[in-house]
Amino acid sequence: MFSSLINLVVPLNLCIFLMVLGFVLCLIRFKRSGLSLIFAGILWVLIWSLPVTSILFGGILENSYPHRPTAQYPTAQAIVVLGGATANNRINWFEPLAPDSKIARVDTAAELYFQHKAPRILVSGGALSGDVSEARGMAARLKTLGVPAEDIILENESRTTHENAALTVQQLRDHQIRSILLVTSALHMPRSMASFSKYGLDVTAAPNPAQITIPDDKDFSLFIPNERALAGSRSILKEYVGVLVYWLRGWV
């Protein structure tokens, strides 16, 4: 259900669907209705290709739990990191992807760990493709950053945010952990916090820095269609649809 809704509302997909449906209606003598659908499809793509739309609707999500300096976070019993890579971990949504302009969720978790905010890190995420889970990949990265293997807990089975929460909570209870710092992207944090808080944990949001911000580019315009804005619209819409679906299913 979730994936189907996401695929439907993705701007290009919905535009094509509405244009085809509109064309069919025009052929069977419902020209006015058909043209209205065609116009609606084009308008939907145009709206989501504008950076101002991403900054408005993405900003609502990202600013729900603002990123803070590491020193401002309270201590907890563990840091929980969720798998995923919003916008390929780029620092700014609208800028080209470059190796030196990325910040992964595990980097944020490692910083919290080395600032003694929690003595353990739990990494959560199953294998979305292939045999290596996201959790194992994140654990390997943490080890290269200097986190001891004995301080890393793996949850290898989850494939959705709901499963992240449900399966991670089992692991936390096994280790008698009740307070956590939750690390994910700022965009993903509202749905993640709602999912984890349902289990009665003491959860503090510790998101990566916001990505959907105005770049330092004099040629950038909020009102000129932008390829990155259109490409990134799926991630924003996914979160809004996700919150709705999770609420309807009683997961938040």
Foldseek 3Di string as FASTA:
>chain_A
DLVVVLQCLQLVNVLVVLQVVLVVCVVVPNNVSSVVSNVVSVVSLLQLLFLLNCCVLLVVQLVVAAADPLVPDAAFAEAEEEDDAQCNQAQALQDDDDPVRGDAQLNLRLVNCVVVSHQAYEYEFADPDDHDTSQNVSLVVSVVVPRDNVRYHYHHDDHDLLCRQVSVVVVCVVVVGQEYEYEDASSQPVLNCLQNVVVVGNYHYNYDHHHSDDDPDPPDDSNDRGPSSSVNVSSSVSNVSSVVVCVVVVSD
